[in-house]
Amino acid sequence: MARLLADRPADPLTIGDMARHLGHSHGAVRNAALTLVRRGEADQSGTGQPEFRANAKTAAAAQTAVISPPGTHAPRTQAATARTTTPAAATPRQTGPIRRAGGQLYHPRELADLPDVEALNRLRDADVPVLLYGPPGTGKTSLVEAAFPDLLTVAGDGDTTVGDLIGEYTQADSGGYVFQYGPLVTAMTEGRALLIDDATLISPKVLAALYPAMDGRRQIQVKAHKGETIKAEPGFYVVAGHNPGVHGAVLTEALASRFSVQIQIGTDYDLALALRIDARVVRVARHLAHQVELGELGWAPQLRELLSYQKTEAVLGTKAALANLVGIAPVEDRDAVADAVIKAVGVKKIAPLTLGKQLPASAARQPPGSTGSTLRGRPR
C-alpha cells in the first residue's frame, strides 16, 4: 500500500482504486490505508469517499512493504487459509495498547489463547459473525473499534428503523429529494465491518432487513429505492452487541442463530489495576460484581465506571470521586454500593455527589485550594 502511494505521489487514490490495483479486498485496503494515516505515513482527504495521498514519510514506510501481483489470490479466502494453517505461536500478536479512531487506547484481552483483536480478525477472515454480550461498560464497542479500523456503527434502540440501516430519502438543498444510503449499504458496497450496537433493542422486523446480507445470499433489496439489489463486497462483516440486563433487550432465536460465535464480555479487574486505578475501588467493584453474580445486587461498576472514577479523582479529588461512584449506582443498589465503599476506604459516611450551599461571591472567585477566608485583609 505504501509503495503504491509512493510510486504515484501526485495521485489521490480511493479505496476502490487501490483495491483494484493491488487485488486485495476493499476492507483490507481500507485497514491498511487508515493504519498509514494514523502513523502519519499518508494523508487522507474527503469525507463521503475518502482519498489517500503520499506524504514525506510514505516512501520510508514503503521500504519494507510487499505488494502481491493483482489477481494472485482471492481477497479474504487466502487470508483465512494463511491464518488457519500458521501455528498460533508463530503468529504476530497485538498485545500492546491499540489507538482507536477517536484517539482512545484499547488494551487487548485474551480470547481463545489469542489477543481479542486478533481473534476477531480471524473470525472476520473466515466470515464468522460474532455477537458480543455483557453488561454496559465492559468494553464491547471498544474491542470492535480496536479490531476494525474500517468500522461503521449503528447505535440500536427501540426507535431504529429499516431506513436507519438501509437508507431513506432526504431533502436536498435544491428542494428535491435524494436517496441517502444507510450504513448497511455502505458497509456492503465498500467491504467494511458493521457493528450493530445494542442490536437486541431493535425491533425484530427491522433486523430482518439485515439477515439476507449475512446468509449465503449476501445481498439485500432496497425496496424504497426502485427495488435496487445491493451485493456485499469481500470484507463485509457484521458484529453485534447485546446488553442482557438492559430493559427491553430481547435476544430472539432469529437473531441468535445468525451469529455462530457468541462471546461474553466482562470487566477485567486485573487490567483495571494495571491501569493504576485505585486498588481499593477495584476491590469494591470485584465484591459488588460477585454479589451481582449471586443475584443479591443488580449493579456493579464496570471498566467504564472505573476509568471515569480515575478521571474524576484526578480532577476533583478522592472524596468527590467516591461520592460520584455511589451516585451513579441505580437508586435501589445505592445503599449497598455506599456500604461497600465505606468498608473498603474507611470513611464514616458517603453520599452521592451533591451541590452544597451557595458560596459568597468572594469565595467563588478564589483559586482552587484557597480557603477564601481573610483576617484583617491578609490571607488566613
Protein backbone atom coordinates (compact mmCIF):
# COMPACT_ATOMS: atom_id res chain seq x y z
CA MET A 1 0.00 0.00 0.00
CA ALA A 2 2.74 2.47 0.98
CA ARG A 3 4.72 1.62 -2.14
CA LEU A 4 1.70 2.17 -4.38
CA LEU A 5 1.12 5.62 -2.89
CA ALA A 6 4.82 6.46 -3.02
CA ASP A 7 5.01 5.48 -6.71
CA ARG A 8 2.11 7.84 -7.53
CA PRO A 9 2.76 10.88 -5.29
CA ALA A 10 0.62 13.26 -7.34
CA ASP A 11 -2.45 10.99 -7.48
CA PRO A 12 -5.16 10.98 -4.82
CA LEU A 13 -6.33 7.33 -4.71
CA THR A 14 -9.63 6.00 -3.41
CA ILE A 15 -10.10 2.68 -1.63
CA GLY A 16 -11.56 1.26 -4.85
CA ASP A 17 -8.60 2.48 -6.93
CA MET A 18 -6.10 0.80 -4.61
CA ALA A 19 -8.15 -2.40 -4.22
CA ARG A 20 -8.33 -2.85 -8.00
CA HIS A 21 -4.61 -2.22 -8.43
CA LEU A 22 -3.46 -4.47 -5.57
CA GLY A 23 -6.03 -7.25 -5.95
CA HIS A 24 -7.00 -7.06 -2.29
CA SER A 25 -10.45 -6.64 -0.74
CA HIS A 26 -11.84 -3.17 -0.05
CA GLY A 27 -11.83 -3.94 3.69
CA ALA A 28 -8.17 -4.99 3.76
CA VAL A 29 -7.14 -1.96 1.71
CA ARG A 30 -9.12 0.40 3.95
CA ASN A 31 -7.50 -1.08 7.06
CA ALA A 32 -4.01 -0.61 5.61
CA ALA A 33 -4.73 2.92 4.39
CA LEU A 34 -6.12 4.04 7.74
CA THR A 35 -3.14 2.49 9.51
CA LEU A 36 -0.76 4.55 7.33
CA VAL A 37 -2.77 7.70 8.09
CA ARG A 38 -2.73 7.04 11.85
CA ARG A 39 1.05 6.60 11.70
CA GLY A 40 1.42 9.84 9.76
CA GLU A 41 2.77 7.93 6.74
CA ALA A 42 -0.01 9.00 4.34
CA ASP A 43 -2.59 11.80 4.08
CA GLN A 44 -6.36 11.43 3.85
CA SER A 45 -8.87 13.87 2.39
CA GLY A 46 -12.56 13.79 1.52
CA THR A 47 -15.49 12.52 3.59
CA GLY A 48 -18.04 10.51 1.61
CA GLN A 49 -15.39 8.68 -0.41
CA PRO A 50 -12.02 9.37 1.18
CA GLU A 51 -8.89 9.73 -0.94
CA PHE A 52 -5.34 8.93 0.12
CA ARG A 53 -2.10 10.53 -1.00
CA ALA A 54 1.59 10.03 -0.25
CA ASN A 55 3.39 12.43 2.07
CA ALA A 56 7.02 12.89 3.12
CA LYS A 57 7.02 9.71 5.23
CA THR A 58 5.35 7.35 2.75
CA ALA A 59 8.50 6.42 0.83
CA ALA A 60 10.25 5.32 4.03
CA ALA A 61 7.23 3.24 5.04
CA ALA A 62 7.28 1.59 1.61
CA GLN A 63 10.79 0.22 2.03
CA THR A 64 9.52 -2.84 3.89
CA ALA A 65 6.20 -3.17 2.06
CA VAL A 66 5.47 -6.17 -0.17
CA ILE A 67 2.83 -5.90 -2.89
CA SER A 68 1.29 -9.09 -4.24
CA PRO A 69 0.65 -9.05 -8.01
CA PRO A 70 -3.01 -8.27 -8.83
CA GLY A 71 -5.27 -11.30 -9.08
CA THR A 72 -2.91 -13.74 -7.40
CA HIS A 73 -5.37 -14.68 -4.66
CA ALA A 74 -8.97 -14.49 -3.57
CA PRO A 75 -9.14 -11.43 -1.27
CA ARG A 76 -10.25 -13.00 2.00
CA THR A 77 -10.05 -16.70 1.23
CA GLN A 78 -6.26 -16.72 1.19
CA ALA A 79 -6.08 -14.62 4.36
CA ALA A 80 -8.29 -17.12 6.19
CA THR A 81 -6.28 -20.08 4.87
CA ALA A 82 -2.98 -18.50 5.82
CA ARG A 83 -4.13 -17.80 9.35
CA THR A 84 -5.62 -21.21 9.98
CA THR A 85 -2.53 -23.04 8.72
CA THR A 86 0.00 -20.92 10.62
CA PRO A 87 0.87 -22.17 14.13
CA ALA A 88 -0.56 -19.79 16.72
CA ALA A 89 2.85 -19.35 18.37
CA ALA A 90 4.33 -18.03 15.12
CA THR A 91 1.56 -15.53 14.50
CA PRO A 92 2.29 -11.87 15.31
CA ARG A 93 0.22 -10.85 18.33
CA GLN A 94 -1.07 -7.39 19.18
CA THR A 95 -0.71 -7.33 22.96
CA GLY A 96 0.13 -3.66 23.49
CA PRO A 97 -2.36 -0.79 23.52
CA ILE A 98 -4.16 -0.01 20.26
CA ARG A 99 -5.23 3.53 19.46
CA ARG A 100 -8.86 3.63 18.34
CA ALA A 101 -10.23 6.03 15.74
CA GLY A 102 -11.25 8.54 18.42
CA GLY A 103 -7.76 8.56 19.91
CA GLN A 104 -8.51 6.42 22.98
CA LEU A 105 -6.25 3.49 23.82
CA TYR A 106 -7.58 -0.06 23.91
CA HIS A 107 -5.74 -2.75 25.87
CA PRO A 108 -6.23 -6.21 24.28
CA ARG A 109 -7.50 -9.06 26.44
CA GLU A 110 -7.16 -12.81 25.95
CA LEU A 111 -9.72 -14.70 23.88
CA ALA A 112 -9.22 -18.39 22.95
CA ASP A 113 -5.48 -18.11 23.71
CA LEU A 114 -5.19 -15.11 21.38
CA PRO A 115 -5.35 -11.34 21.82
CA ASP A 116 -9.03 -10.48 21.38
CA VAL A 117 -8.41 -8.15 18.43
CA GLU A 118 -6.55 -10.91 16.59
CA ALA A 119 -9.29 -13.45 17.34
CA LEU A 120 -11.92 -11.11 15.91
CA ASN A 121 -9.86 -10.54 12.77
CA ARG A 122 -9.51 -14.29 12.27
CA LEU A 123 -13.25 -14.69 12.61
CA ARG A 124 -13.75 -11.91 10.09
CA ASP A 125 -11.36 -13.56 7.63
CA ALA A 126 -13.39 -16.75 7.96
CA ASP A 127 -16.67 -14.77 7.67
CA VAL A 128 -17.96 -15.99 11.06
CA PRO A 129 -20.35 -13.36 12.53
CA VAL A 130 -19.84 -12.56 16.22
CA LEU A 131 -22.25 -11.49 18.95
CA LEU A 132 -20.65 -9.81 21.98
CA TYR A 133 -22.75 -9.78 25.14
CA GLY A 134 -22.29 -8.50 28.67
CA PRO A 135 -23.11 -5.54 30.94
CA PRO A 136 -22.79 -2.00 29.59
CA GLY A 137 -19.35 -0.51 30.08
CA THR A 138 -17.30 -3.70 29.75
CA GLY A 139 -15.59 -2.71 26.50
CA LYS A 140 -17.63 -4.44 23.79
CA THR A 141 -17.70 -1.45 21.47
CA SER A 142 -14.09 -0.55 22.28
CA LEU A 143 -12.94 -4.03 21.28
CA VAL A 144 -14.69 -3.87 17.90
CA GLU A 145 -13.36 -0.37 17.19
CA ALA A 146 -9.82 -1.51 18.01
CA ALA A 147 -10.09 -4.64 15.87
CA PHE A 148 -11.63 -3.00 12.79
CA PRO A 149 -10.38 0.49 11.79
CA ASP A 150 -12.83 0.44 8.84
CA LEU A 151 -15.82 0.07 11.19
CA LEU A 152 -19.26 1.58 10.66
CA THR A 153 -21.65 1.58 13.63
CA VAL A 154 -25.42 1.57 14.05
CA ALA A 155 -26.49 2.56 17.58
CA GLY A 156 -29.61 0.49 18.10
CA ASP A 157 -32.68 1.35 20.16
CA GLY A 158 -36.42 0.85 20.06
CA ASP A 159 -36.81 3.66 17.51
CA THR A 160 -34.32 2.28 14.97
CA THR A 161 -35.98 1.86 11.57
CA VAL A 162 -35.18 -0.01 8.37
CA GLY A 163 -34.27 3.38 6.90
CA ASP A 164 -31.62 3.82 9.59
CA LEU A 165 -29.97 0.64 8.32
CA ILE A 166 -30.54 0.72 4.58
CA GLY A 167 -31.21 4.37 3.83
CA GLU A 168 -34.04 6.75 3.05
CA TYR A 169 -34.97 9.80 1.01
CA THR A 170 -33.77 13.13 2.38
CA GLN A 171 -34.40 16.64 1.13
CA ALA A 172 -31.55 18.20 -0.83
CA ASP A 173 -30.57 21.87 -0.76
CA SER A 174 -32.29 22.28 -4.13
CA GLY A 175 -35.62 21.30 -2.57
CA GLY A 176 -35.87 17.89 -4.23
CA TYR A 177 -35.43 14.53 -2.57
CA VAL A 178 -32.46 12.21 -2.96
CA PHE A 179 -31.91 8.70 -1.58
CA GLN A 180 -29.24 8.62 1.10
CA TYR A 181 -27.77 5.14 1.60
CA GLY A 182 -27.52 3.86 5.17
CA PRO A 183 -24.56 2.25 6.95
CA LEU A 184 -25.57 -1.29 5.98
CA VAL A 185 -25.43 -0.47 2.26
CA THR A 186 -22.18 1.46 2.68
CA ALA A 187 -20.55 -1.42 4.56
CA MET A 188 -21.70 -3.91 1.93
CA THR A 189 -20.54 -1.92 -1.09
CA GLU A 190 -17.20 -0.91 0.46
CA GLY A 191 -16.41 -4.27 2.09
CA ARG A 192 -16.35 -2.80 5.60
CA ALA A 193 -17.14 -4.09 9.09
CA LEU A 194 -20.53 -3.14 10.56
CA LEU A 195 -21.32 -3.07 14.28
CA ILE A 196 -24.97 -3.26 15.26
CA ASP A 197 -24.66 -1.93 18.81
CA ASP A 198 -27.46 -2.79 21.24
CA ALA A 199 -28.90 -5.00 18.50
CA THR A 200 -31.40 -6.60 20.89
CA LEU A 201 -33.15 -3.26 21.43
CA ILE A 202 -34.04 -3.08 17.73
CA SER A 203 -37.38 -4.42 16.54
CA PRO A 204 -37.09 -7.94 15.04
CA LYS A 205 -38.94 -6.67 11.94
CA VAL A 206 -36.21 -4.09 11.39
CA LEU A 207 -33.39 -6.58 11.98
CA ALA A 208 -34.94 -8.88 9.38
CA ALA A 209 -33.70 -6.43 6.72
CA LEU A 210 -30.13 -7.35 7.73
CA TYR A 211 -30.38 -11.13 7.51
CA PRO A 212 -30.17 -11.60 3.69
CA ALA A 213 -26.82 -9.77 3.78
CA MET A 214 -25.47 -12.23 6.35
CA ASP A 215 -26.51 -15.54 4.84
CA GLY A 216 -25.48 -17.25 1.61
CA ARG A 217 -27.26 -14.63 -0.50
CA ARG A 218 -25.02 -11.79 0.75
CA GLN A 219 -27.32 -9.28 -0.83
CA ILE A 220 -30.34 -7.14 0.02
CA GLN A 221 -33.08 -5.40 -1.91
CA VAL A 222 -33.63 -1.70 -1.30
CA LYS A 223 -37.37 -1.58 -1.85
CA ALA A 224 -37.53 2.16 -1.14
CA HIS A 225 -35.07 2.84 -3.97
CA LYS A 226 -36.57 1.19 -7.06
CA GLY A 227 -36.05 -2.30 -5.67
CA GLU A 228 -32.30 -1.94 -6.18
CA THR A 229 -30.19 -5.01 -5.36
CA ILE A 230 -27.10 -4.43 -3.25
CA LYS A 231 -24.42 -7.13 -3.17
CA ALA A 232 -21.83 -7.47 -0.42
CA GLU A 233 -18.22 -6.95 -1.44
CA PRO A 234 -15.45 -9.14 0.05
CA GLY A 235 -14.60 -7.89 3.51
CA PHE A 236 -18.18 -7.07 4.53
CA TYR A 237 -18.65 -8.33 8.06
CA VAL A 238 -21.27 -8.00 10.78
CA VAL A 239 -20.73 -8.00 14.53
CA ALA A 240 -23.43 -7.21 17.10
CA GLY A 241 -23.55 -6.10 20.73
CA HIS A 242 -26.09 -7.23 23.35
CA ASN A 243 -26.60 -6.00 26.92
CA PRO A 244 -28.67 -8.77 28.56
CA GLY A 245 -29.61 -6.80 31.68
CA VAL A 246 -30.92 -3.72 29.87
CA HIS A 247 -34.68 -3.22 29.90
CA GLY A 248 -36.23 -4.16 26.55
CA ALA A 249 -33.21 -6.11 25.28
CA VAL A 250 -34.53 -9.35 23.75
CA LEU A 251 -32.22 -11.85 22.05
CA THR A 252 -34.58 -13.60 19.64
CA GLU A 253 -33.86 -17.02 18.19
CA ALA A 254 -33.77 -15.49 14.70
CA LEU A 255 -31.04 -13.05 15.75
CA ALA A 256 -29.02 -15.50 17.84
CA SER A 257 -28.97 -18.06 15.02
CA ARG A 258 -27.23 -15.56 12.71
CA PHE A 259 -24.18 -15.34 14.99
CA SER A 260 -22.16 -18.54 15.03
CA VAL A 261 -19.83 -17.26 17.76
CA GLN A 262 -21.16 -15.56 20.91
CA ILE A 263 -18.62 -14.09 23.31
CA GLN A 264 -19.30 -12.97 26.86
CA ILE A 265 -17.52 -9.73 27.75
CA GLY A 266 -16.87 -8.82 31.38
CA THR A 267 -14.69 -6.33 33.21
CA ASP A 268 -11.03 -7.31 33.53
CA TYR A 269 -10.22 -6.16 37.06
CA ASP A 270 -6.55 -7.08 36.66
CA LEU A 271 -6.45 -4.67 33.72
CA ALA A 272 -8.05 -2.01 35.92
CA LEU A 273 -5.22 -2.45 38.44
CA ALA A 274 -2.63 -2.35 35.65
CA LEU A 275 -4.13 0.98 34.57
CA ARG A 276 -3.38 2.28 38.09
CA ILE A 277 -6.99 2.68 39.15
CA ASP A 278 -7.25 2.90 42.97
CA ALA A 279 -6.89 -0.69 44.20
CA ARG A 280 -9.48 -0.10 46.94
CA VAL A 281 -12.09 0.90 44.37
CA VAL A 282 -11.22 -2.06 42.17
CA ARG A 283 -11.68 -4.29 45.21
CA VAL A 284 -15.12 -2.74 45.79
CA ALA A 285 -16.05 -3.39 42.15
CA ARG A 286 -14.96 -7.04 42.39
CA HIS A 287 -17.00 -7.53 45.57
CA LEU A 288 -20.11 -5.93 44.07
CA ALA A 289 -19.72 -7.95 40.86
CA HIS A 290 -19.70 -11.13 42.95
CA GLN A 291 -22.93 -10.02 44.62
CA VAL A 292 -24.44 -9.45 41.18
CA GLU A 293 -23.48 -12.98 40.15
CA LEU A 294 -25.21 -14.33 43.27
CA GLY A 295 -28.34 -12.36 42.48
CA GLU A 296 -28.01 -10.25 45.62
CA LEU A 297 -27.45 -7.00 43.73
CA GLY A 298 -28.36 -5.58 40.36
CA TRP A 299 -25.37 -3.34 39.59
CA ALA A 300 -21.60 -3.22 39.92
CA PRO A 301 -19.06 -0.76 38.48
CA GLN A 302 -17.61 -1.96 35.19
CA LEU A 303 -14.41 -0.85 33.49
CA ARG A 304 -16.12 2.25 32.06
CA GLU A 305 -17.14 3.42 35.56
CA LEU A 306 -13.70 2.61 36.97
CA LEU A 307 -11.98 4.67 34.29
CA SER A 308 -14.44 7.51 34.94
CA TYR A 309 -13.63 7.27 38.65
CA GLN A 310 -9.93 7.63 37.88
CA LYS A 311 -10.51 10.73 35.75
CA THR A 312 -12.86 12.30 38.31
CA GLU A 313 -10.39 11.65 41.11
CA ALA A 314 -7.64 13.39 39.15
CA VAL A 315 -9.82 16.48 38.68
CA LEU A 316 -11.96 16.73 41.86
CA GLY A 317 -10.16 14.52 44.37
CA THR A 318 -10.81 11.15 46.00
CA LYS A 319 -13.77 12.21 48.18
CA ALA A 320 -15.72 13.63 45.23
CA ALA A 321 -14.85 10.65 43.01
CA LEU A 322 -16.13 8.19 45.64
CA ALA A 323 -19.31 10.21 46.09
CA ASN A 324 -19.85 10.19 42.35
CA LEU A 325 -19.30 6.42 42.19
CA VAL A 326 -22.10 5.99 44.73
CA GLY A 327 -24.31 8.49 42.93
CA ILE A 328 -24.17 6.76 39.54
CA ALA A 329 -25.39 3.48 41.01
CA PRO A 330 -29.10 2.71 40.49
CA VAL A 331 -31.19 4.00 43.40
CA GLU A 332 -32.14 0.51 44.53
CA ASP A 333 -28.46 -0.53 44.79
CA ARG A 334 -27.03 2.74 46.08
CA ASP A 335 -27.01 1.87 49.79
CA ALA A 336 -25.18 -1.41 49.14
CA VAL A 337 -22.60 0.37 46.99
CA ALA A 338 -22.12 3.05 49.66
CA ASP A 339 -21.63 0.41 52.38
CA ALA A 340 -19.03 -1.41 50.28
CA VAL A 341 -17.14 1.85 49.65
CA ILE A 342 -17.24 2.80 53.34
CA LYS A 343 -15.81 -0.59 54.39
CA ALA A 344 -13.07 -0.56 51.75
CA VAL A 345 -11.96 3.05 52.11
CA GLY A 346 -12.53 3.56 55.84
CA VAL A 347 -14.69 6.68 55.68
CA LYS A 348 -17.56 7.12 58.15
CA LYS A 349 -20.19 8.26 55.70
CA ILE A 350 -20.54 8.79 51.98
CA ALA A 351 -23.41 10.17 49.91
CA PRO A 352 -23.92 10.94 46.19
CA LEU A 353 -22.07 13.97 44.85
CA THR A 354 -24.37 16.90 45.62
CA LEU A 355 -24.29 20.67 45.35
CA GLY A 356 -23.93 22.36 48.72
CA LYS A 357 -24.77 25.80 49.97
CA GLN A 358 -24.09 28.83 47.82
CA LEU A 359 -20.63 30.29 48.21
CA PRO A 360 -20.11 34.02 48.85
CA ALA A 361 -19.13 35.89 45.71
CA SER A 362 -15.61 36.48 47.06
CA ALA A 363 -15.16 32.76 47.79
CA ALA A 364 -16.41 31.79 44.34
CA ARG A 365 -13.60 33.82 42.82
CA GLN A 366 -10.89 32.13 44.88
CA PRO A 367 -8.48 29.83 43.02
CA PRO A 368 -8.72 26.06 43.67
CA GLY A 369 -7.25 25.12 47.06
CA SER A 370 -7.79 28.55 48.60
CA THR A 371 -9.89 28.76 51.78
CA GLY A 372 -11.46 32.05 50.77
CA SER A 373 -11.20 33.29 54.40
CA THR A 374 -9.42 36.53 55.30
CA LEU A 375 -8.38 38.16 58.56
CA ARG A 376 -7.70 41.95 58.58
CA GLY A 377 -7.14 41.93 54.84
CA ARG A 378 -4.44 39.25 54.92
CA PRO A 379 -4.88 35.65 53.70
CA ARG A 380 -5.55 33.37 56.65
